[in-house]
């Protein structure tokens, strides 16, 4: 209650629930193509490696448009941002059903990814405007867990729907669901709680008093400064590791289970996603609990380090299950997914800590690099299965052991990143332009060197 004794409304909780449904819709549209991949490859005469490019092109466009989408949400507000992007990607979800060859499929999925790029930066900006700092961990956990619920439901429901109406009409139905959500968003949401007719003065005061203005970035921030900020570099690297691991559950896990253990094994593929939902809620609650006890840094760092540690263990255990039962494998892989999903709530809350009123752009930057990792995993997974071996842990091809070892290494790197990430240090806008320019050059140079080294390795050392 406020000073006048007025009971506080709880419309911010309705917002989180609406964003939960938003995340469900987002991932239902993404994973539908995985459940339909066999039929698509057969009908459109697409090879497995080309299907990897179809999976990956979504992640590329999704990643490249993250920052512009985040800037748009910061500039024009999350209401307009999400209304536009949900309508756009829902249209291309429906158009996926009209593809007639691999070229048209690549084009449609590219624009689908471009539309979905604004989904989470826009929603994150809405959370920043509506949810006080001490509630953001759980709010982010609940909101993002909707994606895992949507993906798990898709793995159950989409094969049934495909059998009834075919894979083409299944995409049309998914697109229509997005349009319905966008209509509700248009009618109900306001950019700020004070403008919503259902939010009373007590809730407005509670929300505004809990938004930490002292940790906000209010002036114009160049992209070069954001992407080269030490905190941001660490956030991006750890998010690449998270996405490289998780994205397999949305793309190759369904067909991989069928190919390794036969028809029927794919029934276990929703398990990692269901456990991922639990991880989101658990980690979000832990973030809130530690923050409420006064441990600001630990509230972000501890859940993330715990999560990546579980990711390493689960991935390495998965390498020992190639000759075991599908249940044993899926439980090991589920441990890894549970772990990396624990890192999502602290990661996005961290972006709010250091980004403040530029949360959309900052979270979009992190998500951009993370989803380049997703694109890489979609393309690399079948390549690792067919060609890569690693002594002791992945000595034969034909299974995904080498990819799991690679992902486990990335999870170890992510743990090191979190040791040095500090949510108390917002992006420093006082850095001179010359220093920012040198940072950008150094980053681009490092990426170029890594690319050259990988090319040399593949050309001269990889058999």
Protein backbone atom coordinates (compact mmCIF):
# COMPACT_ATOMS: atom_id res chain seq x y z
CA UNK A 1 0.00 0.00 0.00
CA UNK A 2 1.02 3.64 -0.47
CA UNK A 3 0.84 6.45 2.05
CA UNK A 4 -2.92 6.80 1.51
CA UNK A 5 -3.50 3.13 2.24
CA UNK A 6 -4.45 2.31 -1.32
CA UNK A 7 -3.94 -1.41 -2.20
CA UNK A 8 -1.30 -1.84 -4.88
CA UNK A 9 -2.32 -3.29 -8.24
CA UNK A 10 -0.14 -5.96 -9.87
CA UNK A 11 -0.33 -5.21 -13.58
CA UNK A 12 3.43 -5.71 -13.88
CA UNK A 13 2.80 -9.41 -13.21
CA UNK A 14 0.31 -9.47 -16.09
CA UNK A 15 3.01 -7.94 -18.28
CA UNK A 16 5.43 -10.73 -17.35
CA UNK A 17 2.70 -13.26 -18.17
CA UNK A 18 2.08 -11.63 -21.55
CA UNK A 19 5.81 -11.71 -22.29
CA UNK A 20 5.85 -15.37 -21.25
CA UNK A 21 3.28 -16.04 -24.01
CA UNK A 22 5.37 -13.87 -26.36
CA UNK A 23 8.43 -16.06 -25.73
CA UNK A 24 6.29 -19.19 -26.22
CA UNK A 25 5.15 -17.92 -29.60
CA UNK A 26 8.69 -16.98 -30.57
CA UNK A 27 10.09 -20.46 -29.97
CA UNK A 28 7.08 -22.31 -31.37
CA UNK A 29 7.75 -20.55 -34.66
CA UNK A 30 11.47 -21.38 -34.48
CA UNK A 31 11.26 -25.05 -33.61
CA UNK A 32 8.44 -25.91 -36.00
CA UNK A 33 11.01 -26.23 -38.79
CA UNK A 34 13.00 -28.77 -36.79
CA UNK A 35 10.02 -31.10 -36.38
CA UNK A 36 9.22 -30.73 -40.08
CA UNK A 37 12.83 -31.00 -41.30
CA UNK A 38 12.59 -34.56 -42.66
CA UNK A 39 9.52 -33.74 -44.75
CA UNK A 40 10.98 -30.43 -45.92
CA UNK A 41 14.23 -32.10 -47.02
CA UNK A 42 12.25 -34.76 -48.87
CA UNK A 43 9.70 -32.46 -50.53
CA UNK A 44 12.19 -29.74 -51.52
CA UNK A 45 15.13 -32.09 -52.25
CA UNK A 46 17.37 -30.45 -49.63
CA UNK A 47 20.48 -32.21 -48.27
CA UNK A 48 21.22 -32.47 -44.56
CA UNK A 49 24.10 -29.98 -44.80
CA UNK A 50 21.91 -27.54 -46.74
CA UNK A 51 19.27 -27.93 -44.02
CA UNK A 52 21.99 -26.86 -41.60
CA UNK A 53 22.34 -23.65 -43.62
CA UNK A 54 18.57 -23.17 -43.48
CA UNK A 55 18.72 -23.50 -39.68
CA UNK A 56 21.77 -21.24 -39.56
CA UNK A 57 20.55 -18.44 -41.84
CA UNK A 58 17.79 -17.69 -39.34
CA UNK A 59 20.39 -17.25 -36.60
CA UNK A 60 22.57 -15.03 -38.83
CA UNK A 61 19.82 -12.54 -39.69
CA UNK A 62 18.50 -12.78 -36.13
CA UNK A 63 21.94 -11.86 -34.82
CA UNK A 64 22.69 -9.07 -37.30
CA UNK A 65 19.44 -7.21 -36.59
CA UNK A 66 19.69 -7.44 -32.80
CA UNK A 67 21.37 -4.09 -32.24
CA UNK A 68 19.16 -2.07 -34.64
CA UNK A 69 16.11 -3.69 -33.03
CA UNK A 70 17.40 -2.78 -29.59
CA UNK A 71 18.04 0.82 -30.59
CA UNK A 72 14.53 0.99 -32.09
CA UNK A 73 12.97 -0.27 -28.84
CA UNK A 74 14.94 2.30 -26.83
CA UNK A 75 14.03 5.13 -29.21
CA UNK A 76 10.36 4.42 -29.98
CA UNK A 77 9.34 2.24 -27.05
CA UNK A 78 8.63 -1.49 -26.68
CA UNK A 79 4.96 -1.17 -27.68
CA UNK A 80 5.68 -0.07 -31.24
CA UNK A 81 8.80 -2.24 -31.48
CA UNK A 82 7.10 -5.52 -30.57
CA UNK A 83 3.97 -4.74 -32.57
CA UNK A 84 6.05 -4.30 -35.73
CA UNK A 85 8.44 -7.22 -35.27
CA UNK A 86 5.80 -9.77 -34.19
CA UNK A 87 3.64 -8.89 -37.19
CA UNK A 88 6.65 -9.06 -39.51
CA UNK A 89 8.04 -12.41 -38.39
CA UNK A 90 4.59 -13.98 -38.11
CA UNK A 91 4.04 -13.16 -41.76
CA UNK A 92 7.27 -14.89 -42.74
CA UNK A 93 6.44 -17.85 -40.49
CA UNK A 94 3.32 -18.34 -42.59
CA UNK A 95 5.28 -17.80 -45.82
CA UNK A 96 7.66 -20.62 -44.87
CA UNK A 97 4.84 -22.93 -45.92
CA UNK A 98 5.00 -21.48 -49.43
CA UNK A 99 8.70 -22.31 -50.05
CA UNK A 100 9.31 -24.39 -53.19
CA UNK A 101 13.10 -24.99 -53.12
CA UNK A 102 16.17 -24.43 -50.96
CA UNK A 103 16.72 -20.88 -52.28
CA UNK A 104 13.20 -19.72 -51.38
CA UNK A 105 13.49 -21.44 -48.00
CA UNK A 106 16.77 -19.64 -47.26
CA UNK A 107 15.25 -16.28 -48.22
CA UNK A 108 12.08 -16.74 -46.16
CA UNK A 109 13.97 -17.97 -43.09
CA UNK A 110 16.41 -15.07 -43.39
CA UNK A 111 13.57 -12.55 -43.18
CA UNK A 112 11.90 -14.61 -40.45
CA UNK A 113 15.08 -14.29 -38.39
CA UNK A 114 15.33 -10.58 -39.14
CA UNK A 115 11.81 -10.11 -37.76
CA UNK A 116 12.43 -12.15 -34.62
CA UNK A 117 15.56 -10.10 -33.89
CA UNK A 118 13.48 -7.53 -32.06
CA UNK A 119 11.60 -10.05 -29.91
CA UNK A 120 13.83 -10.11 -26.85
CA UNK A 121 15.48 -6.65 -26.90
CA UNK A 122 12.01 -5.09 -27.13
CA UNK A 123 10.61 -7.32 -24.38
CA UNK A 124 13.66 -6.65 -22.19
CA UNK A 125 13.07 -2.92 -22.54
CA UNK A 126 9.47 -3.49 -21.43
CA UNK A 127 10.70 -5.36 -18.34
CA UNK A 128 13.12 -2.51 -17.57
CA UNK A 129 10.26 0.03 -17.73
CA UNK A 130 7.78 -2.03 -15.71
CA UNK A 131 9.70 -4.18 -13.21
CA UNK A 132 11.76 -2.85 -10.26
CA UNK A 133 15.35 -4.04 -9.90
CA UNK A 134 14.75 -6.47 -7.06
CA UNK A 135 12.15 -8.40 -9.09
CA UNK A 136 13.94 -8.53 -12.44
CA UNK A 137 15.76 -11.82 -11.91
CA UNK A 138 12.58 -13.86 -11.52
CA UNK A 139 10.73 -11.73 -14.08
CA UNK A 140 13.43 -12.49 -16.66
CA UNK A 141 13.41 -16.16 -15.65
CA UNK A 142 9.63 -16.48 -16.08
CA UNK A 143 9.57 -14.46 -19.30
CA UNK A 144 12.40 -16.39 -20.98
CA UNK A 145 11.09 -19.76 -19.74
CA UNK A 146 8.10 -19.26 -22.02
CA UNK A 147 10.40 -19.99 -24.93
CA UNK A 148 11.27 -23.37 -23.52
CA UNK A 149 7.63 -24.18 -22.83
CA UNK A 150 6.77 -23.21 -26.41
CA UNK A 151 9.61 -25.30 -27.80
CA UNK A 152 8.70 -28.35 -25.71
CA UNK A 153 5.03 -28.08 -26.67
CA UNK A 154 6.06 -27.79 -30.29
CA UNK A 155 8.02 -31.03 -30.14
CA UNK A 156 4.87 -32.74 -28.86
CA UNK A 157 2.20 -30.92 -30.87
CA UNK A 158 3.80 -29.98 -34.19
CA UNK A 159 4.32 -33.58 -35.40
CA UNK A 160 0.61 -34.23 -34.69
CA UNK A 161 -0.45 -31.03 -36.46
CA UNK A 162 1.82 -31.84 -39.42
CA UNK A 163 0.17 -35.25 -39.78
CA UNK A 164 -3.27 -33.61 -39.81
CA UNK A 165 -2.76 -30.54 -42.04
CA UNK A 166 0.73 -31.02 -43.54
CA UNK A 167 3.91 -29.09 -42.83
CA UNK A 168 2.97 -26.12 -45.04
CA UNK A 169 -0.32 -25.32 -43.27
CA UNK A 170 1.35 -25.88 -39.90
CA UNK A 171 3.53 -22.83 -40.57
CA UNK A 172 0.47 -20.81 -41.55
CA UNK A 173 -1.27 -21.67 -38.28
CA UNK A 174 1.82 -20.69 -36.28
CA UNK A 175 1.94 -17.35 -38.08
CA UNK A 176 -1.71 -16.68 -37.23
CA UNK A 177 -1.01 -17.24 -33.51
CA UNK A 178 1.57 -14.45 -33.62
CA UNK A 179 -0.91 -12.03 -35.16
CA UNK A 180 -3.37 -12.75 -32.32
CA UNK A 181 -0.67 -11.98 -29.72
CA UNK A 182 0.27 -8.72 -31.48
CA UNK A 183 -3.37 -7.62 -31.38
CA UNK A 184 -3.55 -8.19 -27.60
CA UNK A 185 -0.27 -6.29 -27.16
CA UNK A 186 -1.62 -3.34 -29.16
CA UNK A 187 -4.76 -3.09 -27.04
CA UNK A 188 -3.33 -3.77 -23.55
CA UNK A 189 0.27 -2.57 -23.29
CA UNK A 190 1.62 0.93 -22.60
CA UNK A 191 5.30 1.89 -22.72
CA UNK A 192 5.21 3.11 -19.13
CA UNK A 193 3.07 1.84 -16.24
CA UNK A 194 1.97 5.37 -15.36
CA UNK A 195 0.15 5.54 -18.71
CA UNK A 196 -1.76 2.28 -18.17
CA UNK A 197 -5.34 2.74 -16.92
CA UNK A 198 -5.12 -0.42 -14.82
CA UNK A 199 -1.99 0.60 -12.87
CA UNK A 200 -2.78 2.64 -9.76
CA UNK A 201 -0.59 5.20 -8.02
CA UNK A 202 0.70 2.73 -5.44
CA UNK A 203 2.08 0.35 -8.08
CA UNK A 204 3.55 3.25 -10.07
CA UNK A 205 5.41 4.51 -7.00
CA UNK A 206 6.65 1.00 -6.21
CA UNK A 207 7.97 0.45 -9.75
CA UNK A 208 9.59 3.86 -10.14
CA UNK A 209 11.27 3.70 -6.73
CA UNK A 210 12.77 0.34 -7.69
CA UNK A 211 14.32 1.44 -10.97
CA UNK A 212 17.95 2.27 -10.25
CA UNK A 213 18.50 5.53 -12.05
CA UNK A 214 22.02 5.75 -10.61
CA UNK A 215 22.99 2.75 -12.74
CA UNK A 216 21.49 4.01 -15.99
CA UNK A 217 23.11 5.20 -19.18
CA UNK A 218 21.05 8.11 -20.49
CA UNK A 219 23.16 9.81 -23.13
CA UNK A 220 23.80 8.71 -26.70
CA UNK A 221 26.12 5.70 -26.70
CA UNK A 222 28.01 4.75 -29.89
CA UNK A 223 27.81 1.12 -30.95
CA UNK A 224 31.62 0.87 -30.94
CA UNK A 225 31.65 1.85 -27.26
CA UNK A 226 29.03 -0.72 -26.33
CA UNK A 227 30.56 -3.64 -28.18
CA UNK A 228 34.10 -2.98 -26.89
CA UNK A 229 33.21 -2.28 -23.26
CA UNK A 230 35.12 -4.86 -21.16
CA UNK A 231 31.94 -5.93 -19.34
CA UNK A 232 30.11 -6.24 -22.66
CA UNK A 233 32.87 -8.30 -24.31
CA UNK A 234 32.74 -10.79 -21.45
CA UNK A 235 28.92 -10.88 -21.59
CA UNK A 236 29.00 -11.58 -25.33
CA UNK A 237 31.58 -14.37 -25.06
CA UNK A 238 29.68 -16.20 -22.32
CA UNK A 239 26.43 -15.84 -24.26
CA UNK A 240 28.05 -17.39 -27.33
CA UNK A 241 28.90 -20.43 -25.19
CA UNK A 242 25.34 -20.63 -23.87
CA UNK A 243 23.76 -20.39 -27.32
CA UNK A 244 26.18 -22.81 -28.96
CA UNK A 245 24.99 -25.44 -26.50
CA UNK A 246 21.29 -24.61 -26.30
CA UNK A 247 20.57 -24.08 -30.01
CA UNK A 248 21.15 -27.77 -30.76
CA UNK A 249 18.01 -28.59 -28.77
CA UNK A 250 16.03 -26.43 -31.22
CA UNK A 251 17.62 -27.64 -34.44
CA UNK A 252 19.50 -30.92 -34.66
CA UNK A 253 18.45 -32.78 -31.51
CA UNK A 254 15.14 -34.02 -32.98
CA UNK A 255 16.63 -35.52 -36.20
CA UNK A 256 19.83 -36.61 -34.36
CA UNK A 257 17.86 -38.75 -31.90
CA UNK A 258 16.04 -40.44 -34.78
CA UNK A 259 19.22 -41.11 -36.72
CA UNK A 260 21.19 -42.48 -33.74
CA UNK A 261 18.53 -44.53 -31.95
CA UNK A 262 15.81 -45.04 -34.55
CA UNK A 263 12.20 -44.01 -35.01
CA UNK A 264 10.53 -43.19 -31.69
CA UNK A 265 13.64 -41.91 -29.90
CA UNK A 266 12.65 -38.33 -30.76
CA UNK A 267 9.86 -38.59 -28.19
CA UNK A 268 12.45 -37.72 -25.53
CA UNK A 269 13.55 -34.43 -27.14
CA UNK A 270 11.17 -32.18 -25.13
CA UNK A 271 12.83 -33.26 -21.85
CA UNK A 272 15.80 -30.83 -22.07
CA UNK A 273 13.44 -27.96 -22.84
CA UNK A 274 11.12 -28.78 -19.94
CA UNK A 275 14.10 -28.89 -17.59
CA UNK A 276 15.28 -25.64 -19.17
CA UNK A 277 12.03 -24.01 -18.11
CA UNK A 278 12.62 -25.16 -14.53
CA UNK A 279 16.18 -23.81 -14.74
CA UNK A 280 14.89 -20.38 -15.76
CA UNK A 281 12.55 -20.18 -12.79
CA UNK A 282 15.16 -21.56 -10.36
CA UNK A 283 17.95 -19.26 -11.50
CA UNK A 284 15.63 -16.25 -11.62
CA UNK A 285 14.49 -16.93 -8.07
CA UNK A 286 18.11 -17.34 -6.95
CA UNK A 287 19.01 -14.00 -8.57
CA UNK A 288 16.20 -12.27 -6.66
CA UNK A 289 17.05 -14.03 -3.38
CA UNK A 290 20.75 -13.11 -3.44
CA UNK A 291 20.00 -9.56 -4.58
CA UNK A 292 17.49 -9.17 -1.75
CA UNK A 293 20.19 -10.25 0.71
CA UNK A 294 22.45 -7.46 -0.54
CA UNK A 295 24.72 -9.57 -2.77
CA UNK A 296 24.42 -7.62 -6.02
CA UNK A 297 27.43 -9.12 -7.80
CA UNK A 298 26.89 -12.66 -6.48
CA UNK A 299 23.22 -12.56 -7.47
CA UNK A 300 24.32 -12.47 -11.11
CA UNK A 301 27.59 -14.39 -10.88
CA UNK A 302 26.70 -17.41 -8.73
CA UNK A 303 23.71 -18.74 -10.76
CA UNK A 304 25.66 -18.30 -14.01
CA UNK A 305 28.80 -20.07 -12.79
CA UNK A 306 26.72 -22.89 -11.32
CA UNK A 307 24.91 -23.20 -14.64
CA UNK A 308 27.97 -23.34 -16.85
CA UNK A 309 29.58 -25.86 -14.49
CA UNK A 310 26.57 -28.14 -14.94
CA UNK A 311 26.85 -27.51 -18.67
CA UNK A 312 30.43 -28.80 -18.74
CA UNK A 313 29.56 -31.90 -16.72
CA UNK A 314 26.45 -32.70 -18.77
CA UNK A 315 28.21 -32.27 -22.12
CA UNK A 316 31.14 -34.48 -21.12
CA UNK A 317 28.74 -37.13 -19.78
CA UNK A 318 26.92 -37.00 -23.13
CA UNK A 319 30.11 -38.11 -24.89
CA UNK A 320 29.94 -41.36 -22.95
CA UNK A 321 26.37 -42.12 -24.02
CA UNK A 322 26.74 -42.56 -27.78
CA UNK A 323 26.52 -46.35 -27.41
CA UNK A 324 24.00 -46.25 -24.56
CA UNK A 325 20.21 -45.92 -24.54
CA UNK A 326 18.40 -42.79 -25.77
CA UNK A 327 17.14 -42.17 -22.22
CA UNK A 328 20.69 -42.18 -20.80
CA UNK A 329 21.85 -39.80 -23.49
CA UNK A 330 18.92 -37.40 -23.15
CA UNK A 331 19.36 -37.22 -19.37
CA UNK A 332 23.03 -36.31 -19.76
CA UNK A 333 22.26 -33.75 -22.44
CA UNK A 334 19.40 -32.39 -20.33
CA UNK A 335 21.84 -31.70 -17.50
CA UNK A 336 23.86 -29.56 -19.90
CA UNK A 337 20.76 -27.70 -21.12
CA UNK A 338 19.54 -27.17 -17.54
CA UNK A 339 22.94 -25.68 -16.76
CA UNK A 340 23.20 -23.25 -19.66
CA UNK A 341 19.57 -22.22 -19.16
CA UNK A 342 20.45 -21.18 -15.60
CA UNK A 343 22.66 -18.50 -17.14
CA UNK A 344 19.90 -16.70 -19.07
CA UNK A 345 18.21 -14.77 -16.25
CA UNK A 346 21.50 -13.43 -14.82
CA UNK A 347 22.75 -12.58 -18.33
CA UNK A 348 19.75 -10.43 -19.29
CA UNK A 349 19.52 -8.89 -15.82
CA UNK A 350 23.23 -8.04 -16.14
CA UNK A 351 22.44 -6.16 -19.35
CA UNK A 352 19.88 -4.07 -17.48
CA UNK A 353 22.48 -3.36 -14.78
CA UNK A 354 25.10 -1.99 -17.15
CA UNK A 355 22.77 -0.65 -19.85
CA UNK A 356 20.08 1.21 -17.93
CA UNK A 357 17.99 3.28 -20.30
CA UNK A 358 19.98 1.79 -23.19
CA UNK A 359 18.95 -1.71 -22.13
CA UNK A 360 17.46 -2.51 -25.53
CA UNK A 361 20.70 -1.77 -27.38
CA UNK A 362 22.93 -3.42 -24.78
CA UNK A 363 20.87 -6.61 -24.53
CA UNK A 364 20.58 -6.66 -28.32
CA UNK A 365 24.37 -6.50 -28.61
CA UNK A 366 24.82 -9.46 -26.29
CA UNK A 367 22.09 -11.39 -28.08
CA UNK A 368 23.64 -10.56 -31.47
CA UNK A 369 26.93 -12.28 -30.66
CA UNK A 370 25.18 -15.10 -28.86
CA UNK A 371 23.08 -15.88 -31.90
CA UNK A 372 26.05 -15.81 -34.21
CA UNK A 373 27.10 -18.69 -31.96
CA UNK A 374 23.70 -20.27 -32.61
CA UNK A 375 24.22 -19.95 -36.36
CA UNK A 376 27.66 -21.52 -36.05
CA UNK A 377 26.31 -24.43 -34.02
CA UNK A 378 23.59 -25.17 -36.58
CA UNK A 379 26.19 -25.40 -39.35
CA UNK A 380 29.01 -26.99 -37.34
CA UNK A 381 26.98 -29.74 -35.67
CA UNK A 382 26.53 -31.95 -38.78
CA UNK A 383 30.12 -31.19 -39.82
CA UNK A 384 31.49 -32.32 -36.42
CA UNK A 385 29.33 -35.46 -36.57
CA UNK A 386 30.65 -36.38 -40.02
CA UNK A 387 34.29 -35.29 -39.86
CA UNK A 388 35.76 -34.32 -36.46
CA UNK A 389 37.40 -36.63 -33.93
CA UNK A 390 39.08 -35.81 -30.61
CA UNK A 391 41.46 -38.24 -28.81
CA UNK A 392 39.98 -40.16 -25.84
CA UNK A 393 36.60 -38.38 -25.78
CA UNK A 394 35.49 -38.49 -29.43
CA UNK A 395 37.61 -41.00 -31.32
CA UNK A 396 35.10 -41.87 -34.04
CA UNK A 397 32.83 -39.94 -36.37
CA UNK A 398 29.13 -40.63 -36.82
CA UNK A 399 28.12 -39.21 -33.46
CA UNK A 400 28.12 -35.75 -31.84
CA UNK A 401 30.80 -36.43 -29.20
CA UNK A 402 33.33 -34.06 -30.76
CA UNK A 403 30.79 -31.22 -30.82
CA UNK A 404 29.91 -31.84 -27.17
CA UNK A 405 33.59 -31.64 -26.18
CA UNK A 406 33.93 -28.39 -28.11
CA UNK A 407 30.83 -26.95 -26.41
CA UNK A 408 32.12 -28.03 -22.98
CA UNK A 409 35.35 -26.09 -23.63
CA UNK A 410 33.30 -22.99 -24.48
CA UNK A 411 31.36 -23.42 -21.23
CA UNK A 412 34.66 -23.42 -19.31
CA UNK A 413 35.60 -20.15 -21.01
CA UNK A 414 32.20 -18.75 -20.00
CA UNK A 415 32.90 -19.55 -16.34
CA UNK A 416 36.10 -17.47 -16.57
CA UNK A 417 34.11 -14.62 -18.11
CA UNK A 418 31.65 -14.52 -15.22
CA UNK A 419 34.45 -14.38 -12.68
CA UNK A 420 35.38 -10.95 -14.08
CA UNK A 421 31.93 -9.58 -15.04
CA UNK A 422 30.79 -6.79 -12.69
CA UNK A 423 27.16 -5.57 -12.76
CA UNK A 424 28.11 -2.53 -10.67
CA UNK A 425 30.05 -1.03 -13.56
CA UNK A 426 27.76 0.54 -16.17
CA UNK A 427 29.12 1.29 -19.64
CA UNK A 428 31.65 4.10 -19.33
CA UNK A 429 30.58 6.86 -21.71
CA UNK A 430 33.64 9.01 -20.93
CA UNK A 431 36.04 6.87 -22.98
CA UNK A 432 37.68 9.05 -25.70
CA UNK A 433 36.67 8.35 -29.31
CA UNK A 434 40.26 7.55 -30.24
CA UNK A 435 40.43 4.79 -27.62
CA UNK A 436 37.08 3.40 -28.77
CA UNK A 437 38.38 3.35 -32.34
CA UNK A 438 41.49 1.41 -31.25
CA UNK A 439 39.31 -1.06 -29.36
CA UNK A 440 37.19 -1.71 -32.45
CA UNK A 441 40.28 -2.18 -34.63
CA UNK A 442 41.79 -4.59 -32.09
CA UNK A 443 38.54 -6.60 -31.89
CA UNK A 444 38.19 -6.84 -35.66
CA UNK A 445 41.84 -7.78 -35.97
CA UNK A 446 41.47 -10.54 -33.39
CA UNK A 447 38.46 -11.96 -35.24
CA UNK A 448 40.38 -11.83 -38.54
CA UNK A 449 43.37 -13.66 -37.03
CA UNK A 450 41.13 -16.37 -35.58
CA UNK A 451 39.45 -16.80 -38.96
CA UNK A 452 42.81 -17.17 -40.72
CA UNK A 453 44.03 -19.70 -38.14
CA UNK A 454 40.86 -21.77 -38.50
CA UNK A 455 41.20 -21.70 -42.29
CA UNK A 456 44.83 -22.85 -42.09
CA UNK A 457 43.87 -25.63 -39.67
CA UNK A 458 41.05 -26.86 -41.90
CA UNK A 459 43.15 -26.66 -45.07
CA UNK A 460 46.43 -28.22 -43.91
CA UNK A 461 45.81 -30.20 -40.71
CA UNK A 462 42.22 -31.50 -40.82
CA UNK A 463 41.98 -34.87 -42.53
